[in-house]
């Protein structure tokens, strides 16, 4: 067999092949290589993001745990310090213009309140001190490191409330021993403020005849009755009580010009006059 050798045959053969046959392997190889390389890069990128995120979470958790432990230690230390004997309440400074209140009793009670400088409940302690006779209100302030300042407002009685209580200028009823002369109030529960206000106006209206109110009675139906310091009883009723009293004061001197009103009763509940019952008129 004779073999013919043609110079440049292989090069010619390659050039003579269709373009698709020449390029297809190259394109396939490149596409395959490109796809695999992209996946590898994506895998490496995903792994690179996940690892730092985990490390960041661990670091934050460690820092949070350390901060929590430090806070617990600080709180424990503060609790231990707060319970030291040097902070127990040992002194009390009582202030206020006190005439009836026992200042030493207030100081003694203040030194025995529950808690220390840090833990004492000031509101609860003030409520306890208000139970002392003649104390109306109390304000407390801490004094470093183991004291309390006690500001006391004393009760100022305006009238006797019934047989065994007193009432102050604000119309508040309180219990205390008091033997000095004061007007007497008898009225429904809760009527104290109204009666205190009315008493001041009654005394002002009686000033022209130099008389004062000795007792005030307010019925459940709202009818007012006064007893004056000279024994005269005045029934005012429920309506226009101050107008009626002023009208009577205008004729008071004429009615009692030559007599004493001791035991007498004046009924002012009439629209155009009044009735006088002279139980003990003496010339």
Protein backbone atom coordinates (compact mmCIF):
# COMPACT_ATOMS: atom_id res chain seq x y z
CA UNK A 1 0.00 0.00 0.00
CA UNK A 2 1.30 3.37 -0.90
CA UNK A 3 0.81 6.18 1.63
CA UNK A 4 0.66 9.62 0.27
CA UNK A 5 1.82 12.40 2.48
CA UNK A 6 0.43 15.79 1.73
CA UNK A 7 2.18 18.68 3.39
CA UNK A 8 -0.15 20.80 5.63
CA UNK A 9 -2.92 18.21 5.47
CA UNK A 10 -3.72 18.26 9.18
CA UNK A 11 -3.82 22.03 9.27
CA UNK A 12 -6.03 22.08 6.20
CA UNK A 13 -8.31 19.47 7.66
CA UNK A 14 -8.78 21.45 10.81
CA UNK A 15 -9.50 24.56 8.83
CA UNK A 16 -11.92 22.74 6.68
CA UNK A 17 -14.12 21.55 9.54
CA UNK A 18 -17.33 23.42 10.23
CA UNK A 19 -17.08 26.26 12.69
CA UNK A 20 -19.50 24.55 15.04
CA UNK A 21 -17.35 21.47 15.26
CA UNK A 22 -14.28 23.57 15.95
CA UNK A 23 -15.88 25.88 18.53
CA UNK A 24 -18.31 23.62 20.27
CA UNK A 25 -15.78 21.79 22.42
CA UNK A 26 -14.16 25.02 23.33
CA UNK A 27 -17.48 26.63 24.27
CA UNK A 28 -18.60 23.61 26.20
CA UNK A 29 -15.39 23.47 28.05
CA UNK A 30 -15.51 27.12 28.95
CA UNK A 31 -19.17 27.00 30.02
CA UNK A 32 -18.53 24.02 32.18
CA UNK A 33 -15.49 25.59 33.69
CA UNK A 34 -17.27 28.88 34.28
CA UNK A 35 -20.26 27.21 36.00
CA UNK A 36 -18.13 25.16 38.32
CA UNK A 37 -15.97 28.15 39.21
CA UNK A 38 -19.03 30.26 40.04
CA UNK A 39 -20.44 27.58 42.29
CA UNK A 40 -17.14 27.22 44.09
CA UNK A 41 -16.98 30.98 44.62
CA UNK A 42 -20.61 31.05 45.89
CA UNK A 43 -19.85 28.21 48.28
CA UNK A 44 -16.75 29.93 49.54
CA UNK A 45 -18.67 33.24 49.88
CA UNK A 46 -21.56 31.64 51.83
CA UNK A 47 -19.18 29.89 54.16
CA UNK A 48 -17.24 33.10 54.71
CA UNK A 49 -20.42 34.98 55.76
CA UNK A 50 -21.70 32.27 58.08
CA UNK A 51 -18.54 31.87 60.11
CA UNK A 52 -18.12 35.57 61.04
CA UNK A 53 -21.84 35.76 61.95
CA UNK A 54 -21.46 32.86 64.35
CA UNK A 55 -18.35 34.38 65.89
CA UNK A 56 -20.20 37.72 66.32
CA UNK A 57 -23.13 36.00 68.07
CA UNK A 58 -20.82 34.15 70.44
CA UNK A 59 -18.97 37.36 71.30
CA UNK A 60 -22.24 39.21 72.00
CA UNK A 61 -23.51 36.37 74.18
CA UNK A 62 -20.26 36.36 76.14
CA UNK A 63 -20.39 40.11 76.65
CA UNK A 64 -24.06 39.96 77.77
CA UNK A 65 -23.28 37.21 80.24
CA UNK A 66 -20.36 39.19 81.63
CA UNK A 67 -22.48 42.34 81.95
CA UNK A 68 -25.25 40.39 83.71
CA UNK A 69 -22.79 38.84 86.12
CA UNK A 70 -21.26 42.23 86.86
CA UNK A 71 -24.73 43.69 87.53
CA UNK A 72 -25.58 40.87 89.91
CA UNK A 73 -22.33 41.43 91.76
CA UNK A 74 -23.01 45.16 92.05
CA UNK A 75 -26.54 44.55 93.33
CA UNK A 76 -25.32 42.01 95.83
CA UNK A 77 -22.67 44.43 97.05
CA UNK A 78 -25.22 47.25 97.37
CA UNK A 79 -27.57 44.97 99.30
CA UNK A 80 -24.78 43.96 101.65
CA UNK A 81 -23.76 47.59 102.23
CA UNK A 82 -27.37 48.68 102.76
CA UNK A 83 -27.80 46.19 105.59
CA UNK A 84 -24.84 47.43 107.61
CA UNK A 85 -25.73 48.58 111.15
CA UNK A 86 -24.41 52.08 110.49
CA UNK A 87 -27.49 52.78 108.32
CA UNK A 88 -30.11 51.79 110.93
CA UNK A 89 -32.34 54.75 111.92
CA UNK A 90 -30.91 56.06 115.19
CA UNK A 91 -31.83 59.74 115.29
CA UNK A 92 -34.91 61.84 114.50
CA UNK A 93 -35.17 65.62 114.22
CA UNK A 94 -38.73 66.83 114.87
CA UNK A 95 -39.71 70.25 113.49
CA UNK A 96 -42.91 72.31 113.61
CA UNK A 97 -44.77 74.70 115.90
CA UNK A 98 -46.03 72.17 118.42
CA UNK A 99 -48.16 73.05 121.43
CA UNK A 100 -50.16 69.88 122.00
CA UNK A 101 -48.03 67.25 120.26
CA UNK A 102 -45.50 65.37 122.39
CA UNK A 103 -42.27 66.06 120.50
CA UNK A 104 -40.31 63.34 122.31
CA UNK A 105 -42.98 60.77 121.54
CA UNK A 106 -42.78 61.62 117.83
CA UNK A 107 -38.97 61.27 117.87
CA UNK A 108 -39.15 57.94 119.69
CA UNK A 109 -41.69 56.54 117.22
CA UNK A 110 -39.61 57.78 114.27
CA UNK A 111 -36.52 55.97 115.54
CA UNK A 112 -38.41 52.67 115.61
CA UNK A 113 -39.89 52.70 112.10
CA UNK A 114 -39.24 49.67 109.91
CA UNK A 115 -36.22 49.71 107.61
CA UNK A 116 -33.00 51.67 107.49
CA UNK A 117 -31.77 54.77 105.65
CA UNK A 118 -32.13 53.02 102.29
CA UNK A 119 -35.16 50.78 102.82
CA UNK A 120 -37.50 52.80 105.07
CA UNK A 121 -40.93 53.38 103.51
CA UNK A 122 -41.46 57.10 104.14
CA UNK A 123 -45.17 57.05 103.33
CA UNK A 124 -45.88 54.11 105.61
CA UNK A 125 -43.81 55.67 108.39
CA UNK A 126 -45.65 59.00 108.04
CA UNK A 127 -49.01 57.20 108.23
CA UNK A 128 -47.89 55.51 111.44
CA UNK A 129 -46.78 58.80 113.00
CA UNK A 130 -50.12 60.44 112.14
CA UNK A 131 -51.76 58.14 114.70
CA UNK A 132 -50.11 60.13 117.49
CA UNK A 133 -52.63 62.42 119.25
CA UNK A 134 -52.85 65.98 117.90
CA UNK A 135 -50.79 65.19 114.79
CA UNK A 136 -52.58 66.28 111.60
CA UNK A 137 -49.91 65.65 108.97
CA UNK A 138 -46.31 64.42 108.77
CA UNK A 139 -43.59 64.83 106.16
CA UNK A 140 -40.40 62.76 106.37
CA UNK A 141 -36.97 63.33 104.87
CA UNK A 142 -33.87 61.13 105.12
CA UNK A 143 -30.83 62.49 106.96
CA UNK A 144 -27.52 60.85 106.02
CA UNK A 145 -26.53 58.29 107.14
CA UNK A 146 -28.97 57.10 109.78
CA UNK A 147 -31.53 59.79 110.55
CA UNK A 148 -34.97 61.19 109.69
CA UNK A 149 -36.30 64.73 109.68
CA UNK A 150 -39.95 64.73 110.83
CA UNK A 151 -41.99 67.81 109.89
CA UNK A 152 -45.18 67.81 111.96
CA UNK A 153 -48.33 69.88 111.45
CA UNK A 154 -50.41 70.04 114.61
CA UNK A 155 -54.20 69.93 114.83
CA UNK A 156 -55.94 73.22 115.65
CA UNK A 157 -59.43 72.57 117.01
CA UNK A 158 -62.33 74.77 115.98
CA UNK A 159 -65.16 73.02 117.82
CA UNK A 160 -66.13 69.95 119.80
CA UNK A 161 -67.69 67.28 117.63
CA UNK A 162 -70.36 65.61 119.71
CA UNK A 163 -69.27 64.37 123.13
CA UNK A 164 -65.89 62.77 122.46
CA UNK A 165 -64.19 64.28 119.40
CA UNK A 166 -62.93 67.54 117.98
CA UNK A 167 -63.07 69.18 114.57
CA UNK A 168 -60.33 71.32 113.03
CA UNK A 169 -60.47 74.38 110.79
CA UNK A 170 -60.59 72.16 107.70
CA UNK A 171 -63.68 70.35 108.97
CA UNK A 172 -61.77 67.15 109.80
CA UNK A 173 -62.87 65.20 112.86
CA UNK A 174 -60.14 63.88 115.16
CA UNK A 175 -59.88 62.36 118.61
CA UNK A 176 -57.97 64.14 121.39
CA UNK A 177 -58.43 65.29 124.96
CA UNK A 178 -59.26 68.99 125.19
CA UNK A 179 -61.06 70.80 127.97
CA UNK A 180 -60.96 74.40 126.76
CA UNK A 181 -64.18 76.16 125.81
CA UNK A 182 -65.14 75.67 122.17
CA UNK A 183 -68.44 75.67 120.28
CA UNK A 184 -70.17 72.30 120.00
CA UNK A 185 -71.17 70.77 116.68
CA UNK A 186 -73.80 68.09 116.17
CA UNK A 187 -74.40 67.10 112.58
CA UNK A 188 -74.43 64.29 110.01
CA UNK A 189 -71.19 62.53 109.16
CA UNK A 190 -69.22 64.47 106.56
CA UNK A 191 -70.89 67.83 107.32
CA UNK A 192 -67.89 69.19 109.23
CA UNK A 193 -66.48 71.48 106.49
CA UNK A 194 -69.90 73.03 105.86
CA UNK A 195 -70.49 73.64 109.56
CA UNK A 196 -67.06 75.21 110.11
CA UNK A 197 -67.65 77.62 107.23
CA UNK A 198 -71.13 78.47 108.49
CA UNK A 199 -69.87 79.10 112.05
CA UNK A 200 -67.43 81.77 110.88
CA UNK A 201 -70.22 83.58 109.04
CA UNK A 202 -72.65 83.28 111.99
CA UNK A 203 -70.14 84.89 114.35
CA UNK A 204 -69.55 87.70 111.88
CA UNK A 205 -73.29 88.35 111.54
CA UNK A 206 -73.75 88.36 115.35
CA UNK A 207 -70.86 90.77 115.96
CA UNK A 208 -73.12 93.92 115.99
CA UNK A 209 -74.95 92.58 119.09
CA UNK A 210 -71.71 91.26 120.63
CA UNK A 211 -72.86 87.66 120.71
CA UNK A 212 -71.14 84.44 119.68
CA UNK A 213 -72.32 80.97 118.79
CA UNK A 214 -72.00 78.38 121.55
CA UNK A 215 -73.49 75.42 119.72
CA UNK A 216 -74.56 74.53 116.17
CA UNK A 217 -76.97 71.72 115.31
CA UNK A 218 -77.52 70.56 111.74
CA UNK A 219 -80.29 68.00 111.31
CA UNK A 220 -80.33 65.15 108.81
CA UNK A 221 -82.83 67.18 106.76
CA UNK A 222 -80.49 70.20 106.69
CA UNK A 223 -82.21 72.43 109.27
CA UNK A 224 -79.92 74.74 111.30
CA UNK A 225 -80.31 75.61 114.98
CA UNK A 226 -77.97 77.89 116.95
CA UNK A 227 -77.45 78.39 120.65
CA UNK A 228 -75.73 81.66 121.59
CA UNK A 229 -73.39 82.35 124.49
CA UNK A 230 -76.22 84.10 126.39
CA UNK A 231 -78.51 81.05 126.28
CA UNK A 232 -80.70 82.15 123.37
CA UNK A 233 -81.70 79.43 120.89
CA UNK A 234 -82.31 80.43 117.27
CA UNK A 235 -84.12 78.16 114.80
CA UNK A 236 -82.99 79.14 111.29
CA UNK A 237 -84.51 76.33 109.23
CA UNK A 238 -83.09 75.18 105.91
CA UNK A 239 -83.43 78.17 103.59
CA UNK A 240 -81.99 81.71 103.59
CA UNK A 241 -80.38 81.08 106.97
CA UNK A 242 -77.93 83.99 106.83
CA UNK A 243 -80.55 86.42 105.54
CA UNK A 244 -82.89 85.43 108.38
CA UNK A 245 -80.19 85.82 111.03
CA UNK A 246 -79.17 89.27 109.75
CA UNK A 247 -82.79 90.42 109.83
CA UNK A 248 -83.14 89.25 113.43
CA UNK A 249 -79.90 90.94 114.50
CA UNK A 250 -81.40 94.21 113.25
CA UNK A 251 -84.20 94.03 115.87
CA UNK A 252 -82.30 92.17 118.57
CA UNK A 253 -81.84 95.25 120.78
CA UNK A 254 -85.53 96.09 120.62
CA UNK A 255 -86.69 92.57 121.48
CA UNK A 256 -84.35 92.12 124.43
CA UNK A 257 -84.06 95.75 125.55
CA UNK A 258 -85.31 95.14 129.07
CA UNK A 259 -85.01 91.39 129.42
CA UNK A 260 -82.55 88.52 129.32
CA UNK A 261 -82.82 85.95 126.51
CA UNK A 262 -81.67 83.11 128.76
CA UNK A 263 -83.71 80.02 127.87
CA UNK A 264 -85.68 81.84 125.16
CA UNK A 265 -86.18 80.41 121.66
CA UNK A 266 -86.55 82.48 118.52
CA UNK A 267 -88.06 80.80 115.45
CA UNK A 268 -87.00 82.63 112.28
CA UNK A 269 -88.63 80.24 109.81
CA UNK A 270 -91.48 82.66 109.05
CA UNK A 271 -91.35 84.64 105.79
CA UNK A 272 -92.36 88.01 107.29
CA UNK A 273 -91.36 87.81 110.94
CA UNK A 274 -90.41 85.47 113.76
CA UNK A 275 -91.86 83.79 116.81
CA UNK A 276 -90.47 84.22 120.31
CA UNK A 277 -91.00 81.67 123.03
CA UNK A 278 -89.91 83.27 126.27
CA UNK A 279 -89.30 80.29 128.52
CA UNK A 280 -87.40 82.36 131.05
CA UNK A 281 -87.74 86.07 130.26
CA UNK A 282 -86.79 88.17 133.27
CA UNK A 283 -87.18 91.90 133.58
